[in-house]
Amino acid sequence: MSRKATRRPTTVRTLAGAILTVALIVPVATACGPDSDASATASGTASAAPVATVPTAAAPTATGPATTAPATTAPPVPVGTVTTTPPTAVPAATTTKPTTPTTAPTAKPKSPARSYPLVDGSTAEVQPTGNQNYTARIVSRGAVLATLETKDADAGLDANDMFVVLSVDGTVHSWMGGAHQGPGTFKLAGGWTAKVTKVGELHYRAQILGLDNAVNDTLDADQHDIGAVANGVYIVLTAGGRISAHM
């Protein structure tokens, strides 16, 4: 009896302690419940944040096509280069170059003119005309005063008392004064004698006589002056009957 009485109170204590421990565990469980929910929700939101960042990760996938976009823009680049470098300007320059050689052969080459100073300050510009003939232009201050031309014979001119002879070899000789008015017979330079006769209006003839009065040459000035060279003596007979000679 004594042993049962001692065992019973101990069981009551253990039950009471168990109840106390359960009572303590319940608040702890309830206290842990909301915290775990909050942590769960926090972890949920934390896990949701990466989910929200997934669309942002999709942005690089959007840039992926942007990198492929240059592939589509690459074909227009050669097209642009074709238009920006027009080759038409180069053929235009090449087409003009052949035209210049074609015109070059058509231009006839001219022989250089020879110039002779005359006694009055003017100039005789001599140019060959072919067939061993020459033409001489009397030029003064840029103006052409007269023209001489050899036609298989010497040519002469009286230009205001300046006498000019253009020889068949293209040389020019000039002098001033010493003229005689025909008709008549006149002594000339170099021992020659000139017998001048009138044939018609602006038509005179002169016979050039030697020491024995033999006719060595005849000058016929018909409507224009005429010149001659006799043994280094230059002679001019005008259509008006004037005659002059010079060595």
C-alpha atoms as a PDB file:
ATOM      1  CA  MET A   1       0.000   0.000   0.000  1.00  0.00           C
ATOM      2  CA  SER A   2       2.718   2.312   0.829  1.00  0.00           C
ATOM      3  CA  ARG A   3       4.458   1.703  -2.516  1.00  0.00           C
ATOM      4  CA  LYS A   4       1.279   2.454  -4.575  1.00  0.00           C
ATOM      5  CA  ALA A   5       0.775   5.637  -2.696  1.00  0.00           C
ATOM      6  CA  THR A   6       4.201   6.838  -3.621  1.00  0.00           C
ATOM      7  CA  ARG A   7       3.980   5.898  -7.328  1.00  0.00           C
ATOM      8  CA  ARG A   8       0.733   7.716  -8.044  1.00  0.00           C
ATOM      9  CA  PRO A   9       1.808  11.180  -7.380  1.00  0.00           C
ATOM     10  CA  THR A  10       4.775  10.723  -9.709  1.00  0.00           C
ATOM     11  CA  THR A  11       2.559   9.815 -12.608  1.00  0.00           C
ATOM     12  CA  VAL A  12       0.484  12.870 -12.073  1.00  0.00           C
ATOM     13  CA  ARG A  13       3.516  15.016 -12.207  1.00  0.00           C
ATOM     14  CA  THR A  14       4.636  13.496 -15.397  1.00  0.00           C
ATOM     15  CA  LEU A  15       1.289  14.053 -16.998  1.00  0.00           C
ATOM     16  CA  ALA A  16       1.188  17.574 -15.782  1.00  0.00           C
ATOM     17  CA  GLY A  17       4.659  18.110 -17.171  1.00  0.00           C
ATOM     18  CA  ALA A  18       3.587  16.668 -20.441  1.00  0.00           C
ATOM     19  CA  ILE A  19       0.655  18.992 -20.607  1.00  0.00           C
ATOM     20  CA  LEU A  20       2.865  21.903 -19.854  1.00  0.00           C
ATOM     21  CA  THR A  21       5.265  20.930 -22.531  1.00  0.00           C
ATOM     22  CA  VAL A  22       2.436  20.558 -25.046  1.00  0.00           C
ATOM     23  CA  ALA A  23       1.087  23.932 -24.016  1.00  0.00           C
ATOM     24  CA  LEU A  24       4.472  25.436 -24.565  1.00  0.00           C
ATOM     25  CA  ILE A  25       4.952  23.716 -27.910  1.00  0.00           C
ATOM     26  CA  VAL A  26       1.621  24.977 -29.292  1.00  0.00           C
ATOM     27  CA  PRO A  27       2.430  28.680 -28.951  1.00  0.00           C
ATOM     28  CA  VAL A  28       5.816  28.017 -30.331  1.00  0.00           C
ATOM     29  CA  ALA A  29       4.261  26.257 -33.287  1.00  0.00           C
ATOM     30  CA  THR A  30       1.799  29.057 -33.779  1.00  0.00           C
ATOM     31  CA  ALA A  31       4.554  31.583 -33.431  1.00  0.00           C
ATOM     32  CA  CYS A  32       6.615  29.721 -35.966  1.00  0.00           C
ATOM     33  CA  GLY A  33       3.660  29.347 -38.316  1.00  0.00           C
ATOM     34  CA  PRO A  34       3.304  32.950 -39.433  1.00  0.00           C
ATOM     35  CA  ASP A  35       7.054  33.383 -39.587  1.00  0.00           C
ATOM     36  CA  SER A  36       7.344  30.416 -41.830  1.00  0.00           C
ATOM     37  CA  ASP A  37       4.509  31.769 -43.944  1.00  0.00           C
ATOM     38  CA  ALA A  38       6.232  35.134 -44.107  1.00  0.00           C
ATOM     39  CA  SER A  39       9.455  33.469 -44.981  1.00  0.00           C
ATOM     40  CA  ALA A  40       7.572  31.357 -47.452  1.00  0.00           C
ATOM     41  CA  THR A  41       5.994  34.413 -48.959  1.00  0.00           C
ATOM     42  CA  ALA A  42       9.359  36.156 -48.852  1.00  0.00           C
ATOM     43  CA  SER A  43      10.970  33.255 -50.548  1.00  0.00           C
ATOM     44  CA  GLY A  44       8.049  33.226 -52.940  1.00  0.00           C
ATOM     45  CA  THR A  45       8.582  36.818 -53.760  1.00  0.00           C
ATOM     46  CA  ALA A  46      12.301  36.239 -53.995  1.00  0.00           C
ATOM     47  CA  SER A  47      11.680  33.412 -56.378  1.00  0.00           C
ATOM     48  CA  ALA A  48       9.194  35.571 -58.236  1.00  0.00           C
ATOM     49  CA  ALA A  49      11.842  38.231 -58.720  1.00  0.00           C
ATOM     50  CA  PRO A  50      13.941  35.963 -60.923  1.00  0.00           C
ATOM     51  CA  VAL A  51      10.792  35.112 -62.784  1.00  0.00           C
ATOM     52  CA  ALA A  52      10.289  38.832 -63.353  1.00  0.00           C
ATOM     53  CA  THR A  53      13.826  39.067 -64.611  1.00  0.00           C
ATOM     54  CA  VAL A  54      13.169  36.331 -67.166  1.00  0.00           C
ATOM     55  CA  PRO A  55      11.470  38.806 -69.513  1.00  0.00           C
ATOM     56  CA  THR A  56      14.494  41.042 -69.126  1.00  0.00           C
ATOM     57  CA  ALA A  57      16.620  38.084 -70.094  1.00  0.00           C
ATOM     58  CA  ALA A  58      14.389  37.786 -73.124  1.00  0.00           C
ATOM     59  CA  ALA A  59      15.666  41.235 -74.190  1.00  0.00           C
ATOM     60  CA  PRO A  60      19.017  39.783 -75.293  1.00  0.00           C
ATOM     61  CA  THR A  61      17.034  37.344 -77.379  1.00  0.00           C
ATOM     62  CA  ALA A  62      15.467  40.421 -78.988  1.00  0.00           C
ATOM     63  CA  THR A  63      18.926  41.774 -79.676  1.00  0.00           C
ATOM     64  CA  GLY A  64      19.793  38.488 -81.317  1.00  0.00           C
ATOM     65  CA  PRO A  65      17.685  39.343 -84.374  1.00  0.00           C
ATOM     66  CA  ALA A  66      19.254  42.829 -84.248  1.00  0.00           C
ATOM     67  CA  THR A  67      22.590  41.178 -84.861  1.00  0.00           C
ATOM     68  CA  THR A  68      21.056  39.358 -87.789  1.00  0.00           C
ATOM     69  CA  ALA A  69      19.636  42.676 -89.052  1.00  0.00           C
ATOM     70  CA  PRO A  70      23.052  43.782 -90.419  1.00  0.00           C
ATOM     71  CA  ALA A  71      22.931  40.652 -92.552  1.00  0.00           C
ATOM     72  CA  THR A  72      19.831  42.087 -94.195  1.00  0.00           C
ATOM     73  CA  THR A  73      21.415  45.545 -94.456  1.00  0.00           C
ATOM     74  CA  ALA A  74      24.668  44.125 -95.882  1.00  0.00           C
ATOM     75  CA  PRO A  75      23.275  43.632 -99.444  1.00  0.00           C
ATOM     76  CA  PRO A  76      22.312  47.327 -99.843  1.00  0.00           C
ATOM     77  CA  VAL A  77      25.886  48.394 -99.028  1.00  0.00           C
ATOM     78  CA  PRO A  78      27.320  47.207-102.392  1.00  0.00           C
ATOM     79  CA  VAL A  79      24.343  48.769-104.107  1.00  0.00           C
ATOM     80  CA  GLY A  80      25.142  52.081-102.448  1.00  0.00           C
ATOM     81  CA  THR A  81      28.744  51.819-103.486  1.00  0.00           C
ATOM     82  CA  VAL A  82      27.753  51.254-107.066  1.00  0.00           C
ATOM     83  CA  THR A  83      25.667  54.395-107.076  1.00  0.00           C
ATOM     84  CA  THR A  84      28.163  56.528-105.149  1.00  0.00           C
ATOM     85  CA  THR A  85      31.025  55.785-107.542  1.00  0.00           C
ATOM     86  CA  PRO A  86      29.551  56.582-110.955  1.00  0.00           C
ATOM     87  CA  PRO A  87      31.731  55.106-113.673  1.00  0.00           C
ATOM     88  CA  THR A  88      30.018  57.301-116.235  1.00  0.00           C
ATOM     89  CA  ALA A  89      32.392  60.221-115.586  1.00  0.00           C
ATOM     90  CA  VAL A  90      35.414  58.107-116.577  1.00  0.00           C
ATOM     91  CA  PRO A  91      33.990  57.051-119.959  1.00  0.00           C
ATOM     92  CA  ALA A  92      33.107  60.702-120.584  1.00  0.00           C
ATOM     93  CA  ALA A  93      36.771  61.629-120.204  1.00  0.00           C
ATOM     94  CA  THR A  94      37.863  58.694-122.379  1.00  0.00           C
ATOM     95  CA  THR A  95      35.414  59.619-125.106  1.00  0.00           C
ATOM     96  CA  THR A  96      36.810  63.136-125.333  1.00  0.00           C
ATOM     97  CA  LYS A  97      40.412  61.917-125.583  1.00  0.00           C
ATOM     98  CA  PRO A  98      39.951  60.009-128.869  1.00  0.00           C
ATOM     99  CA  THR A  99      38.388  63.089-130.457  1.00  0.00           C
ATOM    100  CA  THR A 100      41.592  65.077-130.105  1.00  0.00           C
ATOM    101  CA  PRO A 101      43.791  62.608-132.037  1.00  0.00           C
ATOM    102  CA  THR A 102      41.204  62.407-134.810  1.00  0.00           C
ATOM    103  CA  THR A 103      41.281  66.170-135.296  1.00  0.00           C
ATOM    104  CA  ALA A 104      45.077  66.314-135.147  1.00  0.00           C
ATOM    105  CA  PRO A 105      45.669  64.527-138.481  1.00  0.00           C
ATOM    106  CA  THR A 106      43.162  66.794-140.214  1.00  0.00           C
ATOM    107  CA  ALA A 107      45.173  69.888-139.307  1.00  0.00           C
ATOM    108  CA  LYS A 108      47.799  70.547-141.989  1.00  0.00           C
ATOM    109  CA  PRO A 109      51.254  71.262-140.606  1.00  0.00           C
ATOM    110  CA  LYS A 110      52.523  74.690-141.482  1.00  0.00           C
ATOM    111  CA  SER A 111      56.141  75.511-142.167  1.00  0.00           C
ATOM    112  CA  PRO A 112      57.590  78.210-139.940  1.00  0.00           C
ATOM    113  CA  ALA A 113      57.574  81.639-141.526  1.00  0.00           C
ATOM    114  CA  ARG A 114      60.776  83.603-141.954  1.00  0.00           C
ATOM    115  CA  SER A 115      60.849  87.271-141.110  1.00  0.00           C
ATOM    116  CA  TYR A 116      62.966  89.922-142.777  1.00  0.00           C
ATOM    117  CA  PRO A 117      63.264  93.490-141.444  1.00  0.00           C
ATOM    118  CA  LEU A 118      62.664  96.141-144.056  1.00  0.00           C
ATOM    119  CA  VAL A 119      64.303  99.565-144.312  1.00  0.00           C
ATOM    120  CA  ASP A 120      61.183 101.492-143.298  1.00  0.00           C
ATOM    121  CA  GLY A 121      60.799  99.518-140.029  1.00  0.00           C
ATOM    122  CA  SER A 122      58.181  97.110-141.298  1.00  0.00           C
ATOM    123  CA  THR A 123      58.656  93.347-141.589  1.00  0.00           C
ATOM    124  CA  ALA A 124      58.371  90.888-144.465  1.00  0.00           C
ATOM    125  CA  GLU A 125      56.947  87.525-143.326  1.00  0.00           C
ATOM    126  CA  VAL A 126      57.858  84.867-145.892  1.00  0.00           C
ATOM    127  CA  GLN A 127      55.963  81.578-146.147  1.00  0.00           C
ATOM    128  CA  PRO A 128      56.486  78.805-148.718  1.00  0.00           C
ATOM    129  CA  THR A 129      53.457  78.077-150.887  1.00  0.00           C
ATOM    130  CA  GLY A 130      54.721  74.942-152.625  1.00  0.00           C
ATOM    131  CA  ASN A 131      56.388  74.187-155.955  1.00  0.00           C
ATOM    132  CA  GLN A 132      59.394  76.251-154.799  1.00  0.00           C
ATOM    133  CA  ASN A 133      57.274  79.384-154.610  1.00  0.00           C
ATOM    134  CA  TYR A 134      56.960  81.832-151.729  1.00  0.00           C
ATOM    135  CA  THR A 135      54.673  84.556-150.466  1.00  0.00           C
ATOM    136  CA  ALA A 136      55.737  87.599-148.440  1.00  0.00           C
ATOM    137  CA  ARG A 137      53.456  89.775-146.330  1.00  0.00           C
ATOM    138  CA  ILE A 138      54.581  93.313-145.549  1.00  0.00           C
ATOM    139  CA  VAL A 139      53.467  93.849-141.953  1.00  0.00           C
ATOM    140  CA  SER A 140      53.632  97.093-139.982  1.00  0.00           C
ATOM    141  CA  ARG A 141      52.228  97.430-136.432  1.00  0.00           C
ATOM    142  CA  GLY A 142      50.214  94.253-136.855  1.00  0.00           C
ATOM    143  CA  ALA A 143      48.617  95.377-140.141  1.00  0.00           C
ATOM    144  CA  VAL A 144      49.354  93.763-143.503  1.00  0.00           C
ATOM    145  CA  LEU A 145      50.246  96.536-145.964  1.00  0.00           C
ATOM    146  CA  ALA A 146      51.000  94.490-149.072  1.00  0.00           C
ATOM    147  CA  THR A 147      51.634  90.958-150.313  1.00  0.00           C
ATOM    148  CA  LEU A 148      54.243  89.621-152.722  1.00  0.00           C
ATOM    149  CA  GLU A 149      54.177  86.198-154.360  1.00  0.00           C
ATOM    150  CA  THR A 150      56.665  84.442-156.597  1.00  0.00           C
ATOM    151  CA  LYS A 151      55.176  82.461-159.484  1.00  0.00           C
ATOM    152  CA  ASP A 152      58.239  80.807-160.941  1.00  0.00           C
ATOM    153  CA  ALA A 153      59.783  84.295-161.152  1.00  0.00           C
ATOM    154  CA  ASP A 154      61.008  87.092-158.846  1.00  0.00           C
ATOM    155  CA  ALA A 155      58.454  89.558-157.467  1.00  0.00           C
ATOM    156  CA  GLY A 156      58.826  93.275-156.680  1.00  0.00           C
ATOM    157  CA  LEU A 157      56.905  96.107-155.044  1.00  0.00           C
ATOM    158  CA  ASP A 158      57.034  99.875-154.635  1.00  0.00           C
ATOM    159  CA  ALA A 159      55.584 100.742-151.212  1.00  0.00           C
ATOM    160  CA  ASN A 160      55.720 104.547-150.806  1.00  0.00           C
ATOM    161  CA  ASP A 161      59.221 104.822-152.327  1.00  0.00           C
ATOM    162  CA  MET A 162      60.444 101.724-150.483  1.00  0.00           C
ATOM    163  CA  PHE A 163      61.278  99.063-153.052  1.00  0.00           C
ATOM    164  CA  VAL A 164      61.092  95.390-152.093  1.00  0.00           C
ATOM    165  CA  VAL A 165      62.190  92.329-154.104  1.00  0.00           C
ATOM    166  CA  LEU A 166      61.152  88.777-153.181  1.00  0.00           C
ATOM    167  CA  SER A 167      63.465  86.335-154.951  1.00  0.00           C
ATOM    168  CA  VAL A 168      62.581  82.844-156.143  1.00  0.00           C
ATOM    169  CA  ASP A 169      64.740  81.439-153.298  1.00  0.00           C
ATOM    170  CA  GLY A 170      62.516  83.120-150.658  1.00  0.00           C
ATOM    171  CA  THR A 171      64.936  85.912-149.673  1.00  0.00           C
ATOM    172  CA  VAL A 172      63.851  89.548-149.369  1.00  0.00           C
ATOM    173  CA  HIS A 173      65.779  92.723-150.233  1.00  0.00           C
ATOM    174  CA  SER A 174      64.585  96.307-149.672  1.00  0.00           C
ATOM    175  CA  TRP A 175      65.897  99.836-150.220  1.00  0.00           C
ATOM    176  CA  MET A 176      64.659 103.404-150.340  1.00  0.00           C
ATOM    177  CA  GLY A 177      64.603 105.880-153.289  1.00  0.00           C
ATOM    178  CA  GLY A 178      66.728 105.987-156.466  1.00  0.00           C
ATOM    179  CA  ALA A 179      63.670 105.701-158.774  1.00  0.00           C
ATOM    180  CA  HIS A 180      63.436 106.974-162.394  1.00  0.00           C
ATOM    181  CA  GLN A 181      60.130 107.829-164.054  1.00  0.00           C
ATOM    182  CA  GLY A 182      59.619 106.349-167.535  1.00  0.00           C
ATOM    183  CA  PRO A 183      59.343 106.295-170.338  1.00  0.00           C
ATOM    184  CA  GLY A 184      63.033 106.781-171.010  1.00  0.00           C
ATOM    185  CA  THR A 185      66.513 105.246-170.732  1.00  0.00           C
ATOM    186  CA  PHE A 186      68.208 105.233-167.346  1.00  0.00           C
ATOM    187  CA  LYS A 187      71.498 104.085-165.845  1.00  0.00           C
ATOM    188  CA  LEU A 188      71.041 101.562-163.061  1.00  0.00           C
ATOM    189  CA  ALA A 189      73.251 100.217-160.269  1.00  0.00           C
ATOM    190  CA  GLY A 190      75.717  97.521-161.266  1.00  0.00           C
ATOM    191  CA  GLY A 191      76.390  99.042-164.733  1.00  0.00           C
ATOM    192  CA  TRP A 192      72.988  98.125-166.152  1.00  0.00           C
ATOM    193  CA  THR A 193      70.896 100.307-168.437  1.00  0.00           C
ATOM    194  CA  ALA A 194      67.067 100.280-168.437  1.00  0.00           C
ATOM    195  CA  LYS A 195      65.039 101.314-171.464  1.00  0.00           C
ATOM    196  CA  VAL A 196      61.496 101.980-170.217  1.00  0.00           C
ATOM    197  CA  THR A 197      58.541 102.223-172.622  1.00  0.00           C
ATOM    198  CA  LYS A 198      54.832 102.660-172.037  1.00  0.00           C
ATOM    199  CA  VAL A 199      52.678  99.907-173.447  1.00  0.00           C
ATOM    200  CA  GLY A 200      49.263 100.973-172.115  1.00  0.00           C
ATOM    201  CA  GLU A 201      47.416 102.262-169.079  1.00  0.00           C
ATOM    202  CA  LEU A 202      49.266 101.000-166.002  1.00  0.00           C
ATOM    203  CA  HIS A 203      51.402  98.895-168.314  1.00  0.00           C
ATOM    204  CA  TYR A 204      55.129  99.576-168.741  1.00  0.00           C
ATOM    205  CA  ARG A 205      57.975  97.498-170.094  1.00  0.00           C
ATOM    206  CA  ALA A 206      61.689  97.809-169.323  1.00  0.00           C
ATOM    207  CA  GLN A 207      64.572  96.266-171.294  1.00  0.00           C
ATOM    208  CA  ILE A 208      67.701  95.636-169.223  1.00  0.00           C
ATOM    209  CA  LEU A 209      70.739  96.295-171.392  1.00  0.00           C
ATOM    210  CA  GLY A 210      74.312  95.269-170.813  1.00  0.00           C
ATOM    211  CA  LEU A 211      77.566  97.067-171.631  1.00  0.00           C
ATOM    212  CA  ASP A 212      77.192  96.204-175.301  1.00  0.00           C
ATOM    213  CA  ASN A 213      73.541  97.353-175.300  1.00  0.00           C
ATOM    214  CA  ALA A 214      72.412  93.775-175.608  1.00  0.00           C
ATOM    215  CA  VAL A 215      69.071  92.934-173.988  1.00  0.00           C
ATOM    216  CA  ASN A 216      69.760  90.650-171.049  1.00  0.00           C
ATOM    217  CA  ASP A 217      66.268  90.689-169.521  1.00  0.00           C
ATOM    218  CA  THR A 218      62.842  92.243-170.000  1.00  0.00           C
ATOM    219  CA  LEU A 219      60.482  93.359-167.233  1.00  0.00           C
ATOM    220  CA  ASP A 220      56.761  93.694-168.013  1.00  0.00           C
ATOM    221  CA  ALA A 221      54.719  95.525-165.337  1.00  0.00           C
ATOM    222  CA  ASP A 222      51.117  95.015-166.432  1.00  0.00           C
ATOM    223  CA  GLN A 223      48.621  96.284-163.818  1.00  0.00           C
ATOM    224  CA  HIS A 224      51.050  95.366-161.001  1.00  0.00           C
ATOM    225  CA  ASP A 225      54.675  95.948-160.000  1.00  0.00           C
ATOM    226  CA  ILE A 226      57.377  93.483-160.917  1.00  0.00           C
ATOM    227  CA  GLY A 227      60.887  92.697-159.656  1.00  0.00           C
ATOM    228  CA  ALA A 228      64.012  90.953-160.885  1.00  0.00           C
ATOM    229  CA  VAL A 229      67.536  90.016-159.818  1.00  0.00           C
ATOM    230  CA  ALA A 230      70.295  90.453-162.379  1.00  0.00           C
ATOM    231  CA  ASN A 231      73.789  89.385-161.273  1.00  0.00           C
ATOM    232  CA  GLY A 232      73.208  90.495-157.676  1.00  0.00           C
ATOM    233  CA  VAL A 233      71.407  93.707-158.677  1.00  0.00           C
ATOM    234  CA  TYR A 234      67.773  94.043-157.463  1.00  0.00           C
ATOM    235  CA  ILE A 235      65.421  95.868-159.854  1.00  0.00           C
ATOM    236  CA  VAL A 236      61.780  96.978-159.438  1.00  0.00           C
ATOM    237  CA  LEU A 237      59.549  98.285-162.247  1.00  0.00           C
ATOM    238  CA  THR A 238      56.135  99.619-161.251  1.00  0.00           C
ATOM    239  CA  ALA A 239      52.898  99.621-163.267  1.00  0.00           C
ATOM    240  CA  GLY A 240      53.181 103.433-163.271  1.00  0.00           C
ATOM    241  CA  GLY A 241      56.557 103.383-165.097  1.00  0.00           C
ATOM    242  CA  ARG A 242      58.955 103.986-162.168  1.00  0.00           C
ATOM    243  CA  ILE A 243      62.134 101.924-162.088  1.00  0.00           C
ATOM    244  CA  SER A 244      64.776 101.575-159.361  1.00  0.00           C
ATOM    245  CA  ALA A 245      67.770  99.263-158.789  1.00  0.00           C
ATOM    246  CA  HIS A 246      69.988  98.439-155.800  1.00  0.00           C
ATOM    247  CA  MET A 247      72.974  96.189-155.098  1.00  0.00           C
END
